[in-house]
Amino acid sequence: MANPVIVKLLAVGAVTFGLSLALMRIGGIVDDRMQHQREAQRSVEASLAGRQALLGPVLHRSCVEEWDTVSIGREVVKTTNRREFRLVLPPSTLRIEGDVAIDQRQRGLFSVNTFATKATLHAHWDTVAPLAAQREHAGSRLSCGAPVLMVALSDARGVRDAKLRVDGAALPVKPGTEHAVYPRGMHAVLPADKVDGHAQATPATQALDAELTLELVGTAELAIAPAAGSVQATLRSAWPHPSFGGRFLPAERKVSESGFEAQWRVSALASSAAREVVAGAALCEPSSMFAPGYHAGEDAPHAARSGANKGCIETFGVAFIDPVNPYSLSDRSIKYGLLFILLTFGLVGATEVLRGTLRVHPIQYALVGAALTLFFLLLLSLSEHLPFAAAYTSASAACVLLLGYYASHALGGWRVGAGFAAGITLLYAVLYALLQLERTALVMGSLLLFAVLATLMAVTRKVDWYALLQRAPSDAAEGPNDARLRTAGLGASQAKAGA
């Protein structure tokens, strides 16, 4: 006959396997909710504006050079050749100052962070002489269009207002950039004498200054391309959870509960953005890892941040993340679910071994495990309607009360049940700490496991495991009630025989 202890261990193992499948199913529900949140963000981006990347101001000018060539053979053939090219000139210095306001848009249960930026861009060119085209062929006919000042955006739908002044004179801003590589954005046509120095205009070597006042809205993230000889950018916001990223982190930053202020200083010696604009590299939409479902710290690796896409102009910027994302925290908590169940089963098993006369049926293990598993589903559902801390407290309190009440009967007394409830409360407290201390979660979890193992070894150090496993099947199978009945029956038989 099989040893009942071994059979019980196998039964508890089967229960644990079934509970792990239930945890996986709850994890699938969390993934599904994350997907719905991403769809909500895409819906807002489609209706408002997406993640924004800003490039400019930059000057450019399209030119055409034509020249004739003559070939002499049986007859003289005259051929007209044509060369079309574009001259691009980033500013010598660029200074950006912006204030960002965050507005949370709702799509059903889901919240999406949008932003509205009021920024002033000051661009200065030491000289605009490079925009004066040079002939490559003697005697050619060279013609150039008017110089254009452009500002390119990843999503031009976000432009609410734009006012431009060049050398103190207001210029009308028109849609589009007049540049084939950067089709989305705005532009203004400058007088040709700004470059060519015709008639009484200033010489072509004179400096040029431009000031653009821009109101821009977008979703989740703002990135800036440092396409200038020297860039200084300052962004301020009342949002207390910025995530700085891109190819350059802020040189200075102040982050508090009242918001943040960040300053970037980027030189052309460190950035290739100006050269990439001249070469015609693309301006890509910021590609952030801080989509719904990802929880990260204030600074993030640039590999998955704005401007890190291969073949795109490098950028720097900030993502406006929600650090208490209920779905990301629920997903992380589920990863500890199986550990929770094993630790609880170990606590029950240790109590069973130490008390000797106590027998806990595998069905009782299953009910306790079901309560622990249901906690994660309660946490997910409540966190959609309550702050995460309140949802966690409510779900854990309900499970502790249920498990304490059940354990007081299953383990043979309210004192044992109260101790069991205290242990479960400690586990929930440790889990909450692990969720809040992401950077030290591994060491905290390792220390917890070591402490549990050390405690288990200490309280079972005198247990004779051979005697436990070799216990007679009849003795091992009967519970304390059966033993009392058998003892009472034996006493009655002996009394009857004596009579």
Protein backbone atom coordinates (compact mmCIF):
# COMPACT_ATOMS: atom_id res chain seq x y z
CA MET A 1 0.00 0.00 0.00
CA ALA A 2 1.34 3.39 -0.91
CA ASN A 3 2.59 5.57 1.90
CA PRO A 4 -0.19 8.10 2.64
CA VAL A 5 2.36 10.87 3.20
CA ILE A 6 3.69 10.40 -0.32
CA VAL A 7 0.14 10.28 -1.70
CA LYS A 8 -0.69 13.50 0.12
CA LEU A 9 2.41 15.22 -1.22
CA LEU A 10 1.42 14.22 -4.73
CA ALA A 11 -2.11 15.50 -4.16
CA VAL A 12 -0.84 18.84 -2.87
CA GLY A 13 1.52 19.04 -5.85
CA ALA A 14 -1.44 18.49 -8.19
CA VAL A 15 -3.35 21.25 -6.38
CA THR A 16 -0.36 23.58 -6.76
CA PHE A 17 -0.16 22.81 -10.48
CA GLY A 18 -3.85 23.60 -10.91
CA LEU A 19 -3.46 26.87 -9.02
CA SER A 20 -0.49 27.82 -11.22
CA LEU A 21 -2.72 27.37 -14.27
CA ALA A 22 -5.29 29.67 -12.64
CA LEU A 23 -2.56 32.26 -12.06
CA MET A 24 -1.59 32.04 -15.71
CA ARG A 25 -5.21 32.65 -16.69
CA ILE A 26 -5.37 35.73 -14.48
CA GLY A 27 -2.11 36.88 -16.04
CA GLY A 28 -3.79 36.53 -19.44
CA ILE A 29 -6.61 38.77 -18.23
CA VAL A 30 -4.05 41.39 -17.18
CA ASP A 31 -2.41 41.20 -20.61
CA ASP A 32 -5.82 41.64 -22.21
CA ARG A 33 -6.51 44.74 -20.12
CA MET A 34 -3.10 46.12 -21.06
CA GLN A 35 -3.97 45.65 -24.70
CA HIS A 36 -7.23 47.51 -24.20
CA GLN A 37 -5.31 50.36 -22.58
CA ARG A 38 -2.95 50.52 -25.55
CA GLU A 39 -5.95 50.63 -27.85
CA ALA A 40 -7.33 53.50 -25.77
CA GLN A 41 -4.05 55.36 -26.23
CA ARG A 42 -4.07 54.73 -29.97
CA SER A 43 -7.66 56.01 -30.07
CA VAL A 44 -6.61 59.26 -28.38
CA GLU A 45 -3.61 59.59 -30.68
CA ALA A 46 -5.85 59.12 -33.71
CA SER A 47 -8.28 61.78 -32.51
CA LEU A 48 -5.87 64.32 -31.02
CA ALA A 49 -2.20 63.90 -31.94
CA GLY A 50 0.44 61.26 -31.38
CA ARG A 51 3.85 61.36 -29.76
CA GLN A 52 5.61 64.48 -30.92
CA ALA A 53 9.11 64.96 -32.31
CA LEU A 54 10.18 68.50 -33.20
CA LEU A 55 12.89 69.58 -35.63
CA GLY A 56 13.85 73.15 -36.39
CA PRO A 57 13.83 75.93 -37.21
CA VAL A 58 16.01 75.05 -40.21
CA LEU A 59 16.63 77.06 -43.40
CA HIS A 60 16.54 75.38 -46.79
CA ARG A 61 16.46 76.42 -50.43
CA SER A 62 15.86 74.52 -53.64
CA CYS A 63 18.03 75.31 -56.66
CA VAL A 64 18.37 74.23 -60.29
CA GLU A 65 21.49 74.42 -62.42
CA GLU A 66 21.31 73.92 -66.18
CA TRP A 67 24.17 73.76 -68.66
CA ASP A 68 24.65 72.79 -72.25
CA THR A 69 27.06 70.26 -73.64
CA VAL A 70 27.94 69.82 -77.28
CA SER A 71 29.03 66.52 -78.82
CA ILE A 72 30.52 66.46 -82.32
CA GLY A 73 30.14 63.40 -84.45
CA ARG A 74 28.51 63.06 -87.83
CA GLU A 75 26.48 65.98 -86.66
CA VAL A 76 26.63 68.46 -83.82
CA VAL A 77 24.35 67.53 -80.90
CA LYS A 78 23.53 70.02 -78.22
CA THR A 79 22.29 68.59 -74.91
CA THR A 80 20.86 70.48 -71.96
CA ASN A 81 21.77 69.02 -68.60
CA ARG A 82 19.94 69.74 -65.37
CA ARG A 83 20.94 69.42 -61.72
CA GLU A 84 18.41 69.89 -58.95
CA PHE A 85 19.67 70.23 -55.42
CA ARG A 86 18.67 71.60 -52.07
CA LEU A 87 20.74 73.66 -49.66
CA VAL A 88 20.02 73.06 -45.97
CA LEU A 89 21.35 75.22 -43.15
CA PRO A 90 20.68 74.42 -39.46
CA PRO A 91 21.04 77.35 -37.03
CA SER A 92 24.29 78.15 -35.28
CA THR A 93 22.53 78.30 -31.92
CA LEU A 94 19.06 77.21 -30.83
CA ARG A 95 17.43 78.06 -27.52
CA ILE A 96 14.12 76.48 -26.52
CA GLU A 97 11.98 77.33 -23.52
CA GLY A 98 8.73 75.48 -22.94
CA ASP A 99 6.02 74.93 -20.37
CA VAL A 100 4.15 71.65 -20.57
CA ALA A 101 0.67 71.04 -19.13
CA ILE A 102 -0.62 67.48 -18.75
CA ASP A 103 -4.24 66.54 -19.40
CA GLN A 104 -5.50 63.02 -18.76
CA ARG A 105 -8.08 61.87 -21.31
CA GLN A 106 -10.44 59.02 -20.51
CA ARG A 107 -11.43 56.17 -22.79
CA GLY A 108 -13.82 54.14 -20.68
CA LEU A 109 -11.84 52.80 -17.71
CA PHE A 110 -8.53 53.83 -19.21
CA SER A 111 -6.63 57.08 -18.74
CA VAL A 112 -4.24 58.46 -21.38
CA ASN A 113 -1.76 61.26 -20.70
CA THR A 114 -1.81 64.07 -23.25
CA PHE A 115 0.21 67.27 -23.12
CA ALA A 116 -0.03 70.87 -24.31
CA THR A 117 3.23 72.76 -24.80
CA LYS A 118 3.73 76.49 -25.06
CA ALA A 119 7.28 76.89 -26.32
CA THR A 120 9.45 79.69 -27.64
CA LEU A 121 12.22 78.77 -30.06
CA HIS A 122 15.06 81.27 -30.60
CA ALA A 123 17.26 80.40 -33.60
CA HIS A 124 20.36 82.32 -34.66
CA TRP A 125 22.47 81.92 -37.80
CA ASP A 126 25.93 83.50 -37.74
CA THR A 127 25.75 83.69 -41.53
CA VAL A 128 23.38 82.58 -44.27
CA ALA A 129 26.11 82.59 -46.93
CA PRO A 130 25.93 78.78 -47.38
CA LEU A 131 22.45 79.29 -48.87
CA ALA A 132 23.93 81.27 -51.73
CA ALA A 133 24.25 78.59 -54.42
CA GLN A 134 27.54 78.03 -56.27
CA ARG A 135 27.89 76.89 -59.86
CA GLU A 136 29.57 73.57 -60.54
CA HIS A 137 29.76 74.19 -64.31
CA ALA A 138 31.14 77.30 -65.94
CA GLY A 139 28.60 79.25 -67.90
CA SER A 140 25.65 77.37 -66.45
CA ARG A 141 22.27 78.91 -65.73
CA LEU A 142 21.64 78.86 -61.98
CA SER A 143 18.31 79.69 -60.38
CA CYS A 144 17.16 79.26 -56.80
CA GLY A 145 13.85 79.64 -55.05
CA ALA A 146 13.28 81.85 -52.06
CA PRO A 147 14.83 80.63 -48.80
CA VAL A 148 12.38 78.80 -46.56
CA LEU A 149 12.39 78.54 -42.78
CA MET A 150 10.78 75.27 -41.73
CA VAL A 151 9.81 73.49 -38.53
CA ALA A 152 9.14 69.78 -38.94
CA LEU A 153 6.90 67.72 -36.65
CA SER A 154 6.06 64.04 -36.41
CA ASP A 155 2.34 64.90 -36.18
CA ALA A 156 1.35 68.35 -37.46
CA ARG A 157 -2.23 67.89 -36.21
CA GLY A 158 -0.94 68.94 -32.81
CA VAL A 159 -0.20 72.54 -33.87
CA ARG A 160 -2.63 74.91 -32.17
CA ASP A 161 -0.88 78.21 -32.92
CA ALA A 162 2.40 79.45 -34.37
CA LYS A 163 3.81 82.96 -34.65
CA LEU A 164 7.12 83.74 -36.35
CA ARG A 165 9.34 86.78 -36.37
CA VAL A 166 12.51 86.96 -38.47
CA ASP A 167 14.88 89.79 -37.63
CA GLY A 168 12.03 91.41 -35.74
CA ALA A 169 9.57 91.31 -38.65
CA ALA A 170 6.49 89.10 -38.47
CA LEU A 171 6.13 86.54 -41.25
CA PRO A 172 3.06 84.43 -42.07
CA VAL A 173 3.36 80.75 -41.20
CA LYS A 174 2.06 78.27 -43.76
CA PRO A 175 1.35 74.53 -43.51
CA GLY A 176 3.89 72.04 -44.78
CA THR A 177 7.65 72.38 -44.86
CA GLU A 178 8.38 72.55 -48.63
CA HIS A 179 10.89 69.77 -47.94
CA ALA A 180 10.25 66.31 -49.39
CA VAL A 181 11.89 64.42 -46.50
CA TYR A 182 9.93 66.28 -43.81
CA PRO A 183 6.42 66.68 -45.19
CA ARG A 184 4.67 67.46 -41.87
CA GLY A 185 5.16 70.75 -40.14
CA MET A 186 5.11 74.45 -41.06
CA HIS A 187 7.17 76.96 -42.99
CA ALA A 188 7.60 80.60 -43.84
CA VAL A 189 9.08 82.04 -47.03
CA LEU A 190 11.89 84.54 -46.46
CA PRO A 191 12.66 87.43 -48.82
CA ALA A 192 15.33 86.41 -51.30
CA ASP A 193 17.50 89.39 -50.41
CA LYS A 194 18.00 87.85 -46.99
CA VAL A 195 20.43 85.52 -48.72
CA ASP A 196 21.47 87.00 -52.00
CA GLY A 197 22.08 90.55 -50.79
CA HIS A 198 20.42 92.12 -53.85
CA ALA A 199 20.05 95.85 -54.25
CA GLN A 200 19.98 97.61 -50.90
CA ALA A 201 19.58 94.47 -48.82
CA THR A 202 22.08 93.52 -46.17
CA PRO A 203 25.08 91.48 -47.26
CA ALA A 204 24.69 87.75 -47.37
CA THR A 205 27.20 87.31 -44.59
CA GLN A 206 25.01 89.09 -42.04
CA ALA A 207 23.47 87.07 -39.24
CA LEU A 208 19.85 86.04 -39.15
CA ASP A 209 17.58 85.69 -36.10
CA ALA A 210 14.24 83.93 -35.87
CA GLU A 211 11.79 83.57 -32.99
CA LEU A 212 8.92 81.10 -33.15
CA THR A 213 6.16 80.96 -30.55
CA LEU A 214 4.50 77.56 -30.78
CA GLU A 215 1.55 75.90 -29.08
CA LEU A 216 1.71 72.14 -29.60
CA VAL A 217 -0.30 69.22 -28.24
CA GLY A 218 0.51 65.52 -28.30
CA THR A 219 0.29 62.24 -26.44
CA ALA A 220 2.61 60.71 -23.88
CA GLU A 221 5.98 61.98 -25.13
CA LEU A 222 7.78 65.04 -26.49
CA ALA A 223 11.14 64.75 -28.29
CA ILE A 224 13.41 67.45 -29.71
CA ALA A 225 16.08 67.05 -32.39
CA PRO A 226 19.22 69.05 -31.46
CA ALA A 227 19.80 70.16 -35.06
CA ALA A 228 22.03 73.18 -34.42
CA GLY A 229 25.61 74.05 -33.64
CA SER A 230 24.62 74.53 -30.02
CA VAL A 231 21.28 73.72 -28.38
CA GLN A 232 19.96 74.82 -25.01
CA ALA A 233 16.50 73.58 -24.06
CA THR A 234 14.48 74.10 -20.89
CA LEU A 235 11.21 72.30 -20.20
CA ARG A 236 8.99 72.84 -17.16
CA SER A 237 5.84 71.04 -16.08
CA ALA A 238 3.67 70.36 -13.04
CA TRP A 239 3.81 66.62 -13.86
CA PRO A 240 5.85 64.94 -11.11
CA HIS A 241 6.71 61.73 -13.01
CA PRO A 242 8.91 62.59 -16.01
CA SER A 243 10.95 59.96 -17.77
CA PHE A 244 13.91 61.55 -19.53
CA GLY A 245 15.35 59.70 -22.47
CA GLY A 246 16.65 59.85 -26.00
CA ARG A 247 20.30 60.19 -26.86
CA PHE A 248 20.94 62.92 -24.28
CA LEU A 249 19.82 63.19 -20.67
CA PRO A 250 19.32 66.61 -19.08
CA ALA A 251 22.42 68.41 -17.89
CA GLU A 252 20.38 69.72 -14.96
CA ARG A 253 17.04 68.66 -13.58
CA LYS A 254 14.80 69.23 -10.59
CA VAL A 255 12.00 66.74 -9.93
CA SER A 256 9.60 67.03 -7.01
CA GLU A 257 5.99 66.37 -6.13
CA SER A 258 5.13 69.78 -7.59
CA GLY A 259 6.61 69.01 -11.00
CA PHE A 260 9.93 69.13 -12.82
CA GLU A 261 12.31 71.46 -14.62
CA ALA A 262 14.97 70.07 -16.93
CA GLN A 263 17.72 71.73 -18.95
CA TRP A 264 19.61 70.20 -21.85
CA ARG A 265 22.83 71.52 -23.37
CA VAL A 266 23.89 69.75 -26.55
CA SER A 267 26.72 70.71 -28.88
CA ALA A 268 27.26 69.70 -32.50
CA LEU A 269 30.51 68.18 -31.25
CA ALA A 270 28.43 65.58 -29.40
CA SER A 271 25.40 65.31 -31.68
CA SER A 272 25.12 64.32 -35.33
CA ALA A 273 21.58 65.72 -35.66
CA ALA A 274 22.65 68.81 -37.66
CA ARG A 275 24.63 66.69 -40.13
CA GLU A 276 21.77 64.20 -40.38
CA VAL A 277 19.34 66.97 -41.32
CA VAL A 278 21.69 68.20 -44.06
CA ALA A 279 22.02 64.61 -45.30
CA GLY A 280 18.21 64.19 -45.33
CA ALA A 281 17.77 61.63 -42.53
CA ALA A 282 14.18 60.98 -41.44
CA LEU A 283 12.46 62.47 -38.42
CA CYS A 284 10.77 59.50 -36.80
CA GLU A 285 7.95 59.50 -34.29
CA PRO A 286 9.25 58.88 -30.78
CA SER A 287 9.26 55.18 -30.03
CA SER A 288 8.97 54.87 -26.27
CA MET A 289 9.15 51.77 -24.09
CA PHE A 290 6.91 53.58 -21.64
CA ALA A 291 3.73 52.39 -23.18
CA PRO A 292 0.95 51.21 -20.90
CA GLY A 293 2.08 48.14 -19.05
CA TYR A 294 5.70 49.16 -18.66
CA HIS A 295 6.93 50.53 -15.36
CA ALA A 296 10.28 52.26 -15.32
CA GLY A 297 12.33 54.77 -13.46
CA GLU A 298 13.01 58.37 -14.22
CA ASP A 299 15.81 57.75 -16.70
CA ALA A 300 15.59 55.07 -19.33
CA PRO A 301 18.05 53.42 -21.72
CA HIS A 302 18.13 55.21 -25.03
CA ALA A 303 17.86 52.04 -27.09
CA ALA A 304 14.07 52.06 -26.94
CA ARG A 305 13.57 55.77 -26.47
CA SER A 306 12.82 58.59 -28.85
CA GLY A 307 15.27 59.06 -31.66
CA ALA A 308 16.95 55.71 -31.18
CA ASN A 309 15.28 54.24 -34.26
CA LYS A 310 17.83 53.18 -36.82
CA GLY A 311 18.17 55.72 -39.63
CA CYS A 312 16.35 58.51 -37.75
CA ILE A 313 17.64 61.82 -36.48
CA GLU A 314 18.72 61.50 -32.88
CA THR A 315 16.64 63.32 -30.31
CA PHE A 316 16.24 63.96 -26.61
CA GLY A 317 13.04 64.44 -24.68
CA VAL A 318 10.69 63.42 -21.93
CA ALA A 319 7.86 60.91 -21.57
CA PHE A 320 4.99 61.68 -19.23
CA ILE A 321 4.47 58.29 -17.62
CA ASP A 322 2.11 57.16 -14.89
CA PRO A 323 4.33 55.29 -12.38
CA VAL A 324 1.36 53.67 -10.62
CA ASN A 325 -0.04 51.81 -13.59
CA PRO A 326 -2.48 49.27 -12.11
CA TYR A 327 -1.96 46.75 -14.90
CA SER A 328 1.83 46.78 -14.75
CA LEU A 329 1.74 46.46 -10.95
CA SER A 330 -0.87 43.68 -11.12
CA ASP A 331 1.25 41.87 -13.69
CA ARG A 332 4.31 42.13 -11.47
CA SER A 333 2.39 40.93 -8.41
CA ILE A 334 1.15 37.82 -10.26
CA LYS A 335 4.76 36.82 -10.86
CA TYR A 336 5.01 36.30 -7.11
CA GLY A 337 1.72 34.35 -6.95
CA LEU A 338 3.19 30.86 -7.12
CA LEU A 339 5.78 31.80 -4.49
CA PHE A 340 2.91 33.00 -2.28
CA ILE A 341 1.12 29.68 -2.62
CA LEU A 342 4.24 27.61 -1.94
CA LEU A 343 5.13 29.64 1.14
CA THR A 344 1.58 29.33 2.50
CA PHE A 345 1.45 25.60 1.83
CA GLY A 346 4.82 25.29 3.54
CA LEU A 347 3.46 27.14 6.56
CA VAL A 348 0.43 24.83 6.73
CA GLY A 349 2.58 21.75 6.23
CA ALA A 350 5.01 22.82 8.96
CA THR A 351 2.09 23.34 11.35
CA GLU A 352 0.77 19.91 10.45
CA VAL A 353 4.13 18.24 11.06
CA LEU A 354 4.86 20.05 14.33
CA ARG A 355 1.47 19.38 15.90
CA GLY A 356 1.57 15.70 14.98
CA THR A 357 -2.12 14.99 15.52
CA LEU A 358 -3.28 17.61 12.98
CA ARG A 359 -4.30 16.41 9.52
CA VAL A 360 -5.08 18.87 6.71
CA HIS A 361 -6.84 17.39 3.69
CA PRO A 362 -5.66 18.26 0.14
CA ILE A 363 -9.07 19.81 -0.47
CA GLN A 364 -8.35 22.22 2.37
CA TYR A 365 -5.02 23.05 0.73
CA ALA A 366 -6.93 23.69 -2.49
CA LEU A 367 -9.38 26.06 -0.79
CA VAL A 368 -6.57 28.03 0.85
CA GLY A 369 -4.73 28.23 -2.49
CA ALA A 370 -7.92 29.33 -4.25
CA ALA A 371 -8.29 32.21 -1.79
CA LEU A 372 -4.68 33.25 -2.43
CA THR A 373 -5.22 33.08 -6.19
CA LEU A 374 -8.46 35.03 -6.02
CA PHE A 375 -6.55 37.89 -4.34
CA PHE A 376 -4.84 38.74 -7.63
CA LEU A 377 -8.13 38.86 -9.52
CA LEU A 378 -9.62 41.06 -6.79
CA LEU A 379 -6.58 43.33 -6.98
CA LEU A 380 -6.90 43.71 -10.76
CA SER A 381 -10.63 44.46 -10.71
CA LEU A 382 -10.50 46.87 -7.76
CA SER A 383 -7.47 48.77 -9.11
CA GLU A 384 -9.53 49.78 -12.15
CA HIS A 385 -11.84 51.77 -9.87
CA LEU A 386 -9.69 52.65 -6.85
CA PRO A 387 -6.14 53.95 -6.33
CA PHE A 388 -3.75 51.02 -6.35
CA ALA A 389 -2.88 51.33 -2.65
CA ALA A 390 -6.55 51.28 -1.66
CA ALA A 391 -7.28 48.36 -4.01
CA TYR A 392 -4.33 46.39 -2.63
CA THR A 393 -5.37 47.06 0.98
CA SER A 394 -8.98 46.04 0.33
CA ALA A 395 -8.12 42.84 -1.55
CA SER A 396 -5.46 41.73 0.94
CA ALA A 397 -7.66 42.52 3.96
CA ALA A 398 -10.52 40.46 2.54
CA CYS A 399 -8.23 37.49 1.89
CA VAL A 400 -6.54 37.70 5.31
CA LEU A 401 -9.89 37.73 7.11
CA LEU A 402 -11.16 34.79 5.05
CA LEU A 403 -8.00 32.74 5.51
CA GLY A 404 -7.78 33.54 9.22
CA TYR A 405 -11.40 32.46 9.76
CA TYR A 406 -10.91 29.25 7.78
CA ALA A 407 -7.58 28.41 9.40
CA SER A 408 -9.00 28.79 12.91
CA HIS A 409 -11.27 25.80 12.14
CA ALA A 410 -9.01 23.81 9.80
CA LEU A 411 -5.94 24.10 12.03
CA GLY A 412 -7.74 23.51 15.32
CA GLY A 413 -8.10 26.82 17.18
CA TRP A 414 -8.44 30.54 16.90
CA ARG A 415 -4.92 31.14 18.17
CA VAL A 416 -3.47 29.07 15.36
CA GLY A 417 -5.82 30.82 12.93
CA ALA A 418 -4.72 34.25 14.19
CA GLY A 419 -1.08 33.27 13.78
CA PHE A 420 -1.77 31.99 10.28
CA ALA A 421 -3.55 35.26 9.40
CA ALA A 422 -0.58 37.22 10.79
CA GLY A 423 1.77 35.25 8.55
CA ILE A 424 -0.37 35.92 5.47
CA THR A 425 -0.52 39.61 6.40
CA LEU A 426 3.28 39.68 6.54
CA LEU A 427 3.47 38.09 3.08
CA TYR A 428 1.12 40.70 1.61
CA ALA A 429 3.13 43.49 3.24
CA VAL A 430 6.36 42.12 1.78
CA LEU A 431 4.76 41.82 -1.67
CA TYR A 432 3.61 45.44 -1.55
CA ALA A 433 7.14 46.50 -0.61
CA LEU A 434 8.52 44.50 -3.55
CA LEU A 435 6.11 46.26 -5.91
CA GLN A 436 7.20 49.69 -4.66
CA LEU A 437 10.93 48.98 -4.54
CA GLU A 438 11.45 47.84 -8.11
CA ARG A 439 15.21 48.36 -8.18
CA THR A 440 15.74 46.26 -5.02
CA ALA A 441 13.00 43.69 -5.69
CA LEU A 442 15.47 40.88 -6.44
CA VAL A 443 17.51 41.30 -3.28
CA MET A 444 14.37 41.73 -1.16
CA GLY A 445 12.84 38.58 -2.62
CA SER A 446 16.06 36.64 -2.09
CA LEU A 447 16.28 37.75 1.52
CA LEU A 448 12.63 36.79 2.06
CA LEU A 449 13.18 33.28 0.72
CA PHE A 450 16.30 32.86 2.82
CA ALA A 451 14.45 34.01 5.95
CA VAL A 452 11.57 31.60 5.27
CA LEU A 453 13.95 28.70 4.65
CA ALA A 454 15.94 29.49 7.79
CA THR A 455 12.75 29.67 9.87
CA LEU A 456 11.45 26.39 8.43
CA MET A 457 14.76 24.65 9.14
CA ALA A 458 14.81 26.00 12.67
CA VAL A 459 11.29 24.91 13.65
CA THR A 460 11.64 21.44 12.07
CA ARG A 461 15.19 20.73 13.23
CA LYS A 462 14.01 18.02 15.67
CA VAL A 463 11.51 16.32 13.38
CA ASP A 464 12.23 12.65 12.71
CA TRP A 465 11.40 12.54 9.01
CA TYR A 466 12.07 8.78 8.77
CA ALA A 467 9.54 8.13 11.49
CA LEU A 468 7.08 10.44 9.75
CA LEU A 469 7.42 8.72 6.39
CA GLN A 470 7.42 5.20 7.88
CA ARG A 471 4.31 5.74 9.98
CA ALA A 472 1.83 2.90 9.63
CA PRO A 473 -0.76 3.60 6.95
CA SER A 474 -3.63 3.10 9.38
CA ASP A 475 -2.14 5.50 11.92
CA ALA A 476 -1.16 8.03 9.31
CA ALA A 477 -4.52 7.96 7.61
CA GLU A 478 -6.70 8.42 10.69
CA GLY A 479 -7.33 11.89 11.97
CA PRO A 480 -7.45 13.09 15.57
CA ASN A 481 -11.22 12.49 15.78
CA ASP A 482 -10.75 8.89 14.60
CA ALA A 483 -8.06 8.36 17.22
CA ARG A 484 -10.30 9.66 19.98
CA LEU A 485 -13.20 7.44 18.84
CA ARG A 486 -10.92 4.43 18.67
CA THR A 487 -9.57 5.14 22.13
CA ALA A 488 -13.09 5.61 23.52
CA GLY A 489 -14.25 2.37 21.87
CA LEU A 490 -11.28 0.46 23.26
CA GLY A 491 -11.99 1.77 26.75
CA ALA A 492 -15.66 0.75 26.53
CA SER A 493 -14.71 -2.78 25.38
CA GLN A 494 -12.27 -3.18 28.23
CA ALA A 495 -14.85 -1.96 30.74
CA LYS A 496 -17.42 -4.43 29.37
CA ALA A 497 -14.93 -7.31 29.56
CA GLY A 498 -14.08 -6.44 33.13
CA ALA A 499 -17.71 -6.45 34.08
